[in-house]
């Protein structure tokens, strides 16, 4: 499904990829190599903190909502219905 606004910000794809990598790495590292402390090596210390990737996702989501809505009125019923349909259809594609 496409966004109803038709806008797509290609430049944010890299940040989304970094955030996904950080969360994935955190799960992988803690299953394979359990740390009892945050590593002092800078990149590993960022990856070891899984909440950093989640915070980046949340920040991107807030930015996109603000950018896409920019003074427009929100129709909550339509928004929730469209979101529900997107989740259900995506689930059908995954399980499919």
PDB file of N, CA and C in Angstrom:
ATOM      1  N   UNK A   1       0.837  -1.181   0.000  1.00  0.00           N
ATOM      2  CA  UNK A   1       0.000   0.000   0.000  1.00  0.00           C
ATOM      3  C   UNK A   1       0.880   1.242   0.000  1.00  0.00           C
ATOM      4  N   UNK A   2       0.374   2.281  -0.576  1.00  0.00           N
ATOM      5  CA  UNK A   2       1.099   3.543  -0.629  1.00  0.00           C
ATOM      6  C   UNK A   2       0.573   4.487   0.441  1.00  0.00           C
ATOM      7  N   UNK A   3       1.414   5.427   0.801  1.00  0.00           N
ATOM      8  CA  UNK A   3       1.001   6.459   1.730  1.00  0.00           C
ATOM      9  C   UNK A   3      -0.075   7.323   1.093  1.00  0.00           C
ATOM     10  N   UNK A   4      -1.038   7.762   1.905  1.00  0.00           N
ATOM     11  CA  UNK A   4      -2.113   8.581   1.351  1.00  0.00           C
ATOM     12  C   UNK A   4      -1.629   9.973   0.965  1.00  0.00           C
ATOM     13  N   UNK A   5      -0.517  10.416   1.566  1.00  0.00           N
ATOM     14  CA  UNK A   5      -0.009  11.744   1.237  1.00  0.00           C
ATOM     15  C   UNK A   5       0.829  11.727  -0.043  1.00  0.00           C
ATOM     16  N   UNK A   6       1.336  10.555  -0.423  1.00  0.00           N
ATOM     17  CA  UNK A   6       2.144  10.451  -1.620  1.00  0.00           C
ATOM     18  C   UNK A   6       3.579  10.919  -1.443  1.00  0.00           C
ATOM     19  N   UNK A   7       3.933  11.420  -0.258  1.00  0.00           N
ATOM     20  CA  UNK A   7       5.293  11.891  -0.018  1.00  0.00           C
ATOM     21  C   UNK A   7       6.146  10.754   0.523  1.00  0.00           C
ATOM     22  N   UNK A   8       7.399  10.737   0.081  1.00  0.00           N
ATOM     23  CA  UNK A   8       8.345   9.734   0.539  1.00  0.00           C
ATOM     24  C   UNK A   8       9.698  10.407   0.683  1.00  0.00           C
ATOM     25  N   UNK A   9      10.324  10.235   1.817  1.00  0.00           N
ATOM     26  CA  UNK A   9      11.604  10.882   2.097  1.00  0.00           C
ATOM     27  C   UNK A   9      12.722   9.846   1.996  1.00  0.00           C
ATOM     28  N   UNK A  10      13.358   9.806   0.840  1.00  0.00           N
ATOM     29  CA  UNK A  10      14.391   8.816   0.557  1.00  0.00           C
ATOM     30  C   UNK A  10      15.585   8.982   1.507  1.00  0.00           C
ATOM     31  N   UNK A  11      15.906  10.211   1.853  1.00  0.00           N
ATOM     32  CA  UNK A  11      17.062  10.477   2.710  1.00  0.00           C
ATOM     33  C   UNK A  11      16.966   9.847   4.085  1.00  0.00           C
ATOM     34  N   UNK A  12      15.765   9.516   4.522  1.00  0.00           N
ATOM     35  CA  UNK A  12      15.605   8.916   5.845  1.00  0.00           C
ATOM     36  C   UNK A  12      15.804   7.405   5.831  1.00  0.00           C
ATOM     37  N   UNK A  13      15.867   6.800   4.657  1.00  0.00           N
ATOM     38  CA  UNK A  13      16.054   5.355   4.574  1.00  0.00           C
ATOM     39  C   UNK A  13      17.360   4.915   5.222  1.00  0.00           C
ATOM     40  N   UNK A  14      18.405   5.718   5.075  1.00  0.00           N
ATOM     41  CA  UNK A  14      19.696   5.364   5.667  1.00  0.00           C
ATOM     42  C   UNK A  14      19.615   5.380   7.192  1.00  0.00           C
ATOM     43  N   UNK A  15      18.944   6.367   7.728  1.00  0.00           N
ATOM     44  CA  UNK A  15      18.791   6.415   9.188  1.00  0.00           C
ATOM     45  C   UNK A  15      17.934   5.259   9.687  1.00  0.00           C
ATOM     46  N   UNK A  16      16.901   4.914   8.943  1.00  0.00           N
ATOM     47  CA  UNK A  16      16.083   3.768   9.329  1.00  0.00           C
ATOM     48  C   UNK A  16      16.909   2.488   9.295  1.00  0.00           C
ATOM     49  N   UNK A  17      17.785   2.345   8.313  1.00  0.00           N
ATOM     50  CA  UNK A  17      18.648   1.164   8.220  1.00  0.00           C
ATOM     51  C   UNK A  17      19.616   1.108   9.403  1.00  0.00           C
ATOM     52  N   UNK A  18      20.171   2.247   9.779  1.00  0.00           N
ATOM     53  CA  UNK A  18      21.077   2.292  10.936  1.00  0.00           C
ATOM     54  C   UNK A  18      20.330   1.890  12.203  1.00  0.00           C
ATOM     55  N   UNK A  19      19.136   2.418  12.385  1.00  0.00           N
ATOM     56  CA  UNK A  19      18.346   2.087  13.574  1.00  0.00           C
ATOM     57  C   UNK A  19      18.011   0.590  13.595  1.00  0.00           C
ATOM     58  N   UNK A  20      17.606   0.037  12.470  1.00  0.00           N
ATOM     59  CA  UNK A  20      17.294  -1.393  12.403  1.00  0.00           C
ATOM     60  C   UNK A  20      18.539  -2.231  12.701  1.00  0.00           C
ATOM     61  N   UNK A  21      19.680  -1.824  12.160  1.00  0.00           N
ATOM     62  CA  UNK A  21      20.927  -2.536  12.419  1.00  0.00           C
ATOM     63  C   UNK A  21      21.288  -2.495  13.899  1.00  0.00           C
ATOM     64  N   UNK A  22      21.085  -1.349  14.537  1.00  0.00           N
ATOM     65  CA  UNK A  22      21.406  -1.219  15.955  1.00  0.00           C
ATOM     66  C   UNK A  22      20.538  -2.144  16.811  1.00  0.00           C
ATOM     67  N   UNK A  23      19.246  -2.195  16.512  1.00  0.00           N
ATOM     68  CA  UNK A  23      18.354  -3.062  17.288  1.00  0.00           C
ATOM     69  C   UNK A  23      18.676  -4.533  17.024  1.00  0.00           C
ATOM     70  N   UNK A  24      18.858  -4.891  15.757  1.00  0.00           N
ATOM     71  CA  UNK A  24      19.206  -6.271  15.413  1.00  0.00           C
ATOM     72  C   UNK A  24      20.520  -6.683  16.079  1.00  0.00           C
ATOM     73  N   UNK A  25      21.528  -5.817  16.005  1.00  0.00           N
ATOM     74  CA  UNK A  25      22.828  -6.124  16.598  1.00  0.00           C
ATOM     75  C   UNK A  25      22.724  -6.317  18.098  1.00  0.00           C
ATOM     76  N   UNK A  26      21.919  -5.492  18.754  1.00  0.00           N
ATOM     77  CA  UNK A  26      21.754  -5.616  20.196  1.00  0.00           C
ATOM     78  C   UNK A  26      21.191  -6.994  20.541  1.00  0.00           C
ATOM     79  N   UNK A  27      20.172  -7.427  19.804  1.00  0.00           N
ATOM     80  CA  UNK A  27      19.589  -8.743  20.068  1.00  0.00           C
ATOM     81  C   UNK A  27      20.596  -9.849  19.775  1.00  0.00           C
ATOM     82  N   UNK A  28      21.333  -9.730  18.685  1.00  0.00           N
ATOM     83  CA  UNK A  28      22.308 -10.758  18.323  1.00  0.00           C
ATOM     84  C   UNK A  28      23.453 -10.815  19.331  1.00  0.00           C
ATOM     85  N   UNK A  29      23.985  -9.662  19.703  1.00  0.00           N
ATOM     86  CA  UNK A  29      25.124  -9.616  20.621  1.00  0.00           C
ATOM     87  C   UNK A  29      24.746 -10.185  21.986  1.00  0.00           C
ATOM     88  N   UNK A  30      23.562  -9.849  22.469  1.00  0.00           N
ATOM     89  CA  UNK A  30      23.181 -10.322  23.799  1.00  0.00           C
ATOM     90  C   UNK A  30      22.843 -11.807  23.815  1.00  0.00           C
ATOM     91  N   UNK A  31      22.482 -12.370  22.676  1.00  0.00           N
ATOM     92  CA  UNK A  31      22.260 -13.817  22.618  1.00  0.00           C
ATOM     93  C   UNK A  31      23.582 -14.562  22.461  1.00  0.00           C
ATOM     94  N   UNK A  32      24.470 -14.047  21.623  1.00  0.00           N
ATOM     95  CA  UNK A  32      25.713 -14.745  21.322  1.00  0.00           C
ATOM     96  C   UNK A  32      26.830 -14.426  22.322  1.00  0.00           C
ATOM     97  N   UNK A  33      26.986 -13.148  22.680  1.00  0.00           N
ATOM     98  CA  UNK A  33      28.066 -12.705  23.561  1.00  0.00           C
ATOM     99  C   UNK A  33      27.458 -11.818  24.644  1.00  0.00           C
ATOM    100  N   UNK A  34      27.013 -12.380  25.729  1.00  0.00           N
ATOM    101  CA  UNK A  34      26.381 -11.537  26.752  1.00  0.00           C
ATOM    102  C   UNK A  34      27.391 -10.610  27.432  1.00  0.00           C
ATOM    103  N   UNK A  35      27.158  -9.312  27.303  1.00  0.00           N
ATOM    104  CA  UNK A  35      28.004  -8.324  27.961  1.00  0.00           C
ATOM    105  C   UNK A  35      27.440  -8.040  29.349  1.00  0.00           C
ATOM    106  N   UNK A  36      28.309  -7.887  30.303  1.00  0.00           N
ATOM    107  CA  UNK A  36      27.865  -7.458  31.630  1.00  0.00           C
ATOM    108  C   UNK A  36      28.146  -5.971  31.812  1.00  0.00           C
ATOM    109  N   UNK A  37      28.754  -5.353  30.797  1.00  0.00           N
ATOM    110  CA  UNK A  37      29.084  -3.934  30.835  1.00  0.00           C
ATOM    111  C   UNK A  37      29.004  -3.391  29.411  1.00  0.00           C
ATOM    112  N   UNK A  38      28.968  -2.090  29.286  1.00  0.00           N
ATOM    113  CA  UNK A  38      29.004  -1.473  27.957  1.00  0.00           C
ATOM    114  C   UNK A  38      30.452  -1.407  27.492  1.00  0.00           C
ATOM    115  N   UNK A  39      30.758  -1.935  26.301  1.00  0.00           N
ATOM    116  CA  UNK A  39      32.140  -1.895  25.801  1.00  0.00           C
ATOM    117  C   UNK A  39      32.629  -0.457  25.660  1.00  0.00           C
ATOM    118  N   UNK A  40      33.916  -0.252  25.891  1.00  0.00           N
ATOM    119  CA  UNK A  40      34.464   1.097  25.800  1.00  0.00           C
ATOM    120  C   UNK A  40      34.728   1.526  24.358  1.00  0.00           C
ATOM    121  N   UNK A  41      34.798   0.585  23.437  1.00  0.00           N
ATOM    122  CA  UNK A  41      34.984   0.898  22.020  1.00  0.00           C
ATOM    123  C   UNK A  41      33.700   1.519  21.491  1.00  0.00           C
ATOM    124  N   UNK A  42      33.778   2.769  20.977  1.00  0.00           N
ATOM    125  CA  UNK A  42      32.603   3.585  20.675  1.00  0.00           C
ATOM    126  C   UNK A  42      31.520   2.886  19.850  1.00  0.00           C
ATOM    127  N   UNK A  43      31.804   2.327  18.657  1.00  0.00           N
ATOM    128  CA  UNK A  43      30.705   1.713  17.892  1.00  0.00           C
ATOM    129  C   UNK A  43      30.025   0.564  18.647  1.00  0.00           C
ATOM    130  N   UNK A  44      30.804  -0.246  19.345  1.00  0.00           N
ATOM    131  CA  UNK A  44      30.204  -1.347  20.095  1.00  0.00           C
ATOM    132  C   UNK A  44      29.359  -0.848  21.259  1.00  0.00           C
ATOM    133  N   UNK A  45      29.757   0.258  21.855  1.00  0.00           N
ATOM    134  CA  UNK A  45      28.961   0.778  22.967  1.00  0.00           C
ATOM    135  C   UNK A  45      27.605   1.273  22.473  1.00  0.00           C
ATOM    136  N   UNK A  46      27.538   1.821  21.248  1.00  0.00           N
ATOM    137  CA  UNK A  46      26.246   2.222  20.682  1.00  0.00           C
ATOM    138  C   UNK A  46      25.383   1.016  20.357  1.00  0.00           C
ATOM    139  N   UNK A  47      25.985  -0.012  19.774  1.00  0.00           N
ATOM    140  CA  UNK A  47      25.242  -1.205  19.405  1.00  0.00           C
ATOM    141  C   UNK A  47      24.778  -1.952  20.650  1.00  0.00           C
ATOM    142  N   UNK A  48      25.593  -1.934  21.699  1.00  0.00           N
ATOM    143  CA  UNK A  48      25.242  -2.632  22.927  1.00  0.00           C
ATOM    144  C   UNK A  48      24.021  -2.020  23.598  1.00  0.00           C
ATOM    145  N   UNK A  49      23.769  -0.767  23.342  1.00  0.00           N
ATOM    146  CA  UNK A  49      22.605  -0.101  23.915  1.00  0.00           C
ATOM    147  C   UNK A  49      21.469  -0.156  22.900  1.00  0.00           C
ATOM    148  N   UNK A  50      20.634  -1.178  22.973  1.00  0.00           N
ATOM    149  CA  UNK A  50      19.559  -1.371  22.006  1.00  0.00           C
ATOM    150  C   UNK A  50      18.544  -0.246  22.011  1.00  0.00           C
ATOM    151  N   UNK A  51      18.402   0.413  23.143  1.00  0.00           N
ATOM    152  CA  UNK A  51      17.417   1.492  23.216  1.00  0.00           C
ATOM    153  C   UNK A  51      17.798   2.683  22.349  1.00  0.00           C
ATOM    154  N   UNK A  52      19.053   2.795  21.958  1.00  0.00           N
ATOM    155  CA  UNK A  52      19.473   3.882  21.080  1.00  0.00           C
ATOM    156  C   UNK A  52      18.822   3.730  19.703  1.00  0.00           C
ATOM    157  N   UNK A  53      18.786   2.520  19.179  1.00  0.00           N
ATOM    158  CA  UNK A  53      18.138   2.270  17.897  1.00  0.00           C
ATOM    159  C   UNK A  53      16.642   2.502  17.976  1.00  0.00           C
ATOM    160  N   UNK A  54      16.023   2.078  19.076  1.00  0.00           N
ATOM    161  CA  UNK A  54      14.582   2.288  19.261  1.00  0.00           C
ATOM    162  C   UNK A  54      14.290   3.786  19.352  1.00  0.00           C
ATOM    163  N   UNK A  55      15.124   4.517  20.081  1.00  0.00           N
ATOM    164  CA  UNK A  55      14.942   5.968  20.200  1.00  0.00           C
ATOM    165  C   UNK A  55      15.077   6.646  18.839  1.00  0.00           C
ATOM    166  N   UNK A  56      15.990   6.160  18.011  1.00  0.00           N
ATOM    167  CA  UNK A  56      16.150   6.721  16.667  1.00  0.00           C
ATOM    168  C   UNK A  56      14.894   6.466  15.832  1.00  0.00           C
ATOM    169  N   UNK A  57      14.323   5.264  15.903  1.00  0.00           N
ATOM    170  CA  UNK A  57      13.067   4.972  15.212  1.00  0.00           C
ATOM    171  C   UNK A  57      11.955   5.903  15.676  1.00  0.00           C
ATOM    172  N   UNK A  58      11.828   6.090  16.981  1.00  0.00           N
ATOM    173  CA  UNK A  58      10.764   6.938  17.521  1.00  0.00           C
ATOM    174  C   UNK A  58      10.945   8.391  17.078  1.00  0.00           C
ATOM    175  N   UNK A  59      12.177   8.852  17.058  1.00  0.00           N
ATOM    176  CA  UNK A  59      12.460  10.222  16.622  1.00  0.00           C
ATOM    177  C   UNK A  59      12.105  10.398  15.152  1.00  0.00           C
ATOM    178  N   UNK A  60      12.477   9.436  14.328  1.00  0.00           N
ATOM    179  CA  UNK A  60      12.137   9.497  12.902  1.00  0.00           C
ATOM    180  C   UNK A  60      10.620   9.483  12.695  1.00  0.00           C
ATOM    181  N   UNK A  61       9.910   8.665  13.469  1.00  0.00           N
ATOM    182  CA  UNK A  61       8.455   8.605  13.341  1.00  0.00           C
ATOM    183  C   UNK A  61       7.820   9.943  13.693  1.00  0.00           C
ATOM    184  N   UNK A  62       8.252  10.545  14.787  1.00  0.00           N
ATOM    185  CA  UNK A  62       7.727  11.847  15.179  1.00  0.00           C
ATOM    186  C   UNK A  62       8.009  12.907  14.140  1.00  0.00           C
ATOM    187  N   UNK A  63       9.223  12.896  13.597  1.00  0.00           N
ATOM    188  CA  UNK A  63       9.593  13.865  12.566  1.00  0.00           C
ATOM    189  C   UNK A  63       8.708  13.701  11.331  1.00  0.00           C
ATOM    190  N   UNK A  64       8.517  12.449  10.901  1.00  0.00           N
ATOM    191  CA  UNK A  64       7.708  12.208   9.707  1.00  0.00           C
ATOM    192  C   UNK A  64       6.252  12.604   9.911  1.00  0.00           C
ATOM    193  N   UNK A  65       5.689  12.294  11.075  1.00  0.00           N
ATOM    194  CA  UNK A  65       4.310  12.712  11.352  1.00  0.00           C
ATOM    195  C   UNK A  65       4.193  14.231  11.286  1.00  0.00           C
ATOM    196  N   UNK A  66       5.127  14.916  11.912  1.00  0.00           N
ATOM    197  CA  UNK A  66       5.083  16.386  11.915  1.00  0.00           C
ATOM    198  C   UNK A  66       5.254  16.940  10.504  1.00  0.00           C
ATOM    199  N   UNK A  67       6.168  16.362   9.742  1.00  0.00           N
ATOM    200  CA  UNK A  67       6.451  16.844   8.390  1.00  0.00           C
ATOM    201  C   UNK A  67       5.286  16.574   7.436  1.00  0.00           C
ATOM    202  N   UNK A  68       4.692  15.393   7.534  1.00  0.00           N
ATOM    203  CA  UNK A  68       3.617  15.027   6.620  1.00  0.00           C
ATOM    204  C   UNK A  68       2.306  15.736   6.949  1.00  0.00           C
ATOM    205  N   UNK A  69       2.070  15.992   8.230  1.00  0.00           N
ATOM    206  CA  UNK A  69       0.802  16.624   8.611  1.00  0.00           C
ATOM    207  C   UNK A  69       0.865  18.141   8.513  1.00  0.00           C
ATOM    208  N   UNK A  70       1.926  18.747   8.891  1.00  0.00           N
ATOM    209  CA  UNK A  70       2.206  20.182   8.785  1.00  0.00           C
ATOM    210  C   UNK A  70       0.962  21.069   8.687  1.00  0.00           C
ATOM    211  N   UNK A  71       0.218  21.144   9.773  1.00  0.00           N
ATOM    212  CA  UNK A  71      -0.932  22.030   9.845  1.00  0.00           C
ATOM    213  C   UNK A  71      -2.244  21.438   9.351  1.00  0.00           C
ATOM    214  N   UNK A  72      -2.218  20.217   8.840  1.00  0.00           N
ATOM    215  CA  UNK A  72      -3.441  19.581   8.356  1.00  0.00           C
ATOM    216  C   UNK A  72      -4.236  19.004   9.530  1.00  0.00           C
ATOM    217  N   UNK A  73      -5.533  18.870   9.332  1.00  0.00           N
ATOM    218  CA  UNK A  73      -6.383  18.244  10.351  1.00  0.00           C
ATOM    219  C   UNK A  73      -6.249  16.726  10.253  1.00  0.00           C
ATOM    220  N   UNK A  74      -6.284  16.077  11.397  1.00  0.00           N
ATOM    221  CA  UNK A  74      -6.159  14.623  11.436  1.00  0.00           C
ATOM    222  C   UNK A  74      -7.549  14.012  11.564  1.00  0.00           C
ATOM    223  N   UNK A  75      -7.847  13.093  10.677  1.00  0.00           N
ATOM    224  CA  UNK A  75      -9.098  12.329  10.765  1.00  0.00           C
ATOM    225  C   UNK A  75      -8.738  10.996  11.430  1.00  0.00           C
ATOM    226  N   UNK A  76      -8.937  10.931  12.740  1.00  0.00           N
ATOM    227  CA  UNK A  76      -8.453   9.784  13.509  1.00  0.00           C
ATOM    228  C   UNK A  76      -9.097   8.473  13.078  1.00  0.00           C
ATOM    229  N   UNK A  77     -10.389   8.497  12.797  1.00  0.00           N
ATOM    230  CA  UNK A  77     -11.062   7.267  12.365  1.00  0.00           C
ATOM    231  C   UNK A  77     -10.457   6.715  11.085  1.00  0.00           C
ATOM    232  N   UNK A  78     -10.258   7.578  10.120  1.00  0.00           N
ATOM    233  CA  UNK A  78      -9.653   7.159   8.843  1.00  0.00           C
ATOM    234  C   UNK A  78      -8.216   6.697   9.043  1.00  0.00           C
ATOM    235  N   UNK A  79      -7.470   7.417   9.879  1.00  0.00           N
ATOM    236  CA  UNK A  79      -6.086   7.051  10.140  1.00  0.00           C
ATOM    237  C   UNK A  79      -6.000   5.657  10.753  1.00  0.00           C
ATOM    238  N   UNK A  80      -6.805   5.405  11.783  1.00  0.00           N
ATOM    239  CA  UNK A  80      -6.765   4.104  12.455  1.00  0.00           C
ATOM    240  C   UNK A  80      -7.227   2.978  11.528  1.00  0.00           C
ATOM    241  N   UNK A  81      -8.269   3.231  10.723  1.00  0.00           N
ATOM    242  CA  UNK A  81      -8.739   2.222   9.791  1.00  0.00           C
ATOM    243  C   UNK A  81      -7.667   1.899   8.743  1.00  0.00           C
ATOM    244  N   UNK A  82      -7.025   2.913   8.166  1.00  0.00           N
ATOM    245  CA  UNK A  82      -5.963   2.691   7.181  1.00  0.00           C
ATOM    246  C   UNK A  82      -4.783   1.953   7.796  1.00  0.00           C
ATOM    247  N   UNK A  83      -4.448   2.318   9.016  1.00  0.00           N
ATOM    248  CA  UNK A  83      -3.334   1.644   9.700  1.00  0.00           C
ATOM    249  C   UNK A  83      -3.671   0.175   9.934  1.00  0.00           C
ATOM    250  N   UNK A  84      -4.897  -0.099  10.373  1.00  0.00           N
ATOM    251  CA  UNK A  84      -5.342  -1.473  10.587  1.00  0.00           C
ATOM    252  C   UNK A  84      -5.243  -2.279   9.285  1.00  0.00           C
ATOM    253  N   UNK A  85      -5.736  -1.702   8.189  1.00  0.00           N
ATOM    254  CA  UNK A  85      -5.685  -2.402   6.906  1.00  0.00           C
ATOM    255  C   UNK A  85      -4.246  -2.674   6.472  1.00  0.00           C
ATOM    256  N   UNK A  86      -3.366  -1.704   6.679  1.00  0.00           N
ATOM    257  CA  UNK A  86      -1.962  -1.902   6.298  1.00  0.00           C
ATOM    258  C   UNK A  86      -1.339  -3.039   7.090  1.00  0.00           C
ATOM    259  N   UNK A  87      -1.638  -3.112   8.376  1.00  0.00           N
ATOM    260  CA  UNK A  87      -1.080  -4.179   9.214  1.00  0.00           C
ATOM    261  C   UNK A  87      -1.645  -5.545   8.825  1.00  0.00           C
ATOM    262  N   UNK A  88      -2.935  -5.600   8.577  1.00  0.00           N
ATOM    263  CA  UNK A  88      -3.569  -6.871   8.216  1.00  0.00           C
ATOM    264  C   UNK A  88      -3.067  -7.340   6.857  1.00  0.00           C
ATOM    265  N   UNK A  89      -2.998  -6.458   5.876  1.00  0.00           N
ATOM    266  CA  UNK A  89      -2.534  -6.847   4.549  1.00  0.00           C
ATOM    267  C   UNK A  89      -1.064  -7.244   4.564  1.00  0.00           C
ATOM    268  N   UNK A  90      -0.273  -6.550   5.337  1.00  0.00           N
ATOM    269  CA  UNK A  90       1.151  -6.904   5.433  1.00  0.00           C
ATOM    270  C   UNK A  90       1.290  -8.275   6.072  1.00  0.00           C
ATOM    271  N   UNK A  91       0.473  -8.565   7.077  1.00  0.00           N
ATOM    272  CA  UNK A  91       0.508  -9.865   7.745  1.00  0.00           C
ATOM    273  C   UNK A  91       0.140 -10.968   6.764  1.00  0.00           C
ATOM    274  N   UNK A  92      -0.845 -10.732   5.894  1.00  0.00           N
ATOM    275  CA  UNK A  92      -1.229 -11.720   4.885  1.00  0.00           C
ATOM    276  C   UNK A  92      -0.088 -11.979   3.915  1.00  0.00           C
ATOM    277  N   UNK A  93       0.651 -10.946   3.560  1.00  0.00           N
ATOM    278  CA  UNK A  93       1.775 -11.108   2.651  1.00  0.00           C
ATOM    279  C   UNK A  93       2.893 -11.910   3.302  1.00  0.00           C
ATOM    280  N   UNK A  94       3.119 -11.668   4.590  1.00  0.00           N
ATOM    281  CA  UNK A  94       4.190 -12.365   5.295  1.00  0.00           C
ATOM    282  C   UNK A  94       3.828 -13.830   5.517  1.00  0.00           C
ATOM    283  N   UNK A  95       2.615 -14.087   5.979  1.00  0.00           N
ATOM    284  CA  UNK A  95       2.208 -15.459   6.282  1.00  0.00           C
ATOM    285  C   UNK A  95       1.827 -16.245   5.044  1.00  0.00           C
ATOM    286  N   UNK A  96       1.457 -15.519   4.030  1.00  0.00           N
ATOM    287  CA  UNK A  96       0.967 -15.996   2.913  1.00  0.00           C
ATOM    288  C   UNK A  96       0.777 -16.898   1.935  1.00  0.00           C
TER     289      UNK A  96
END
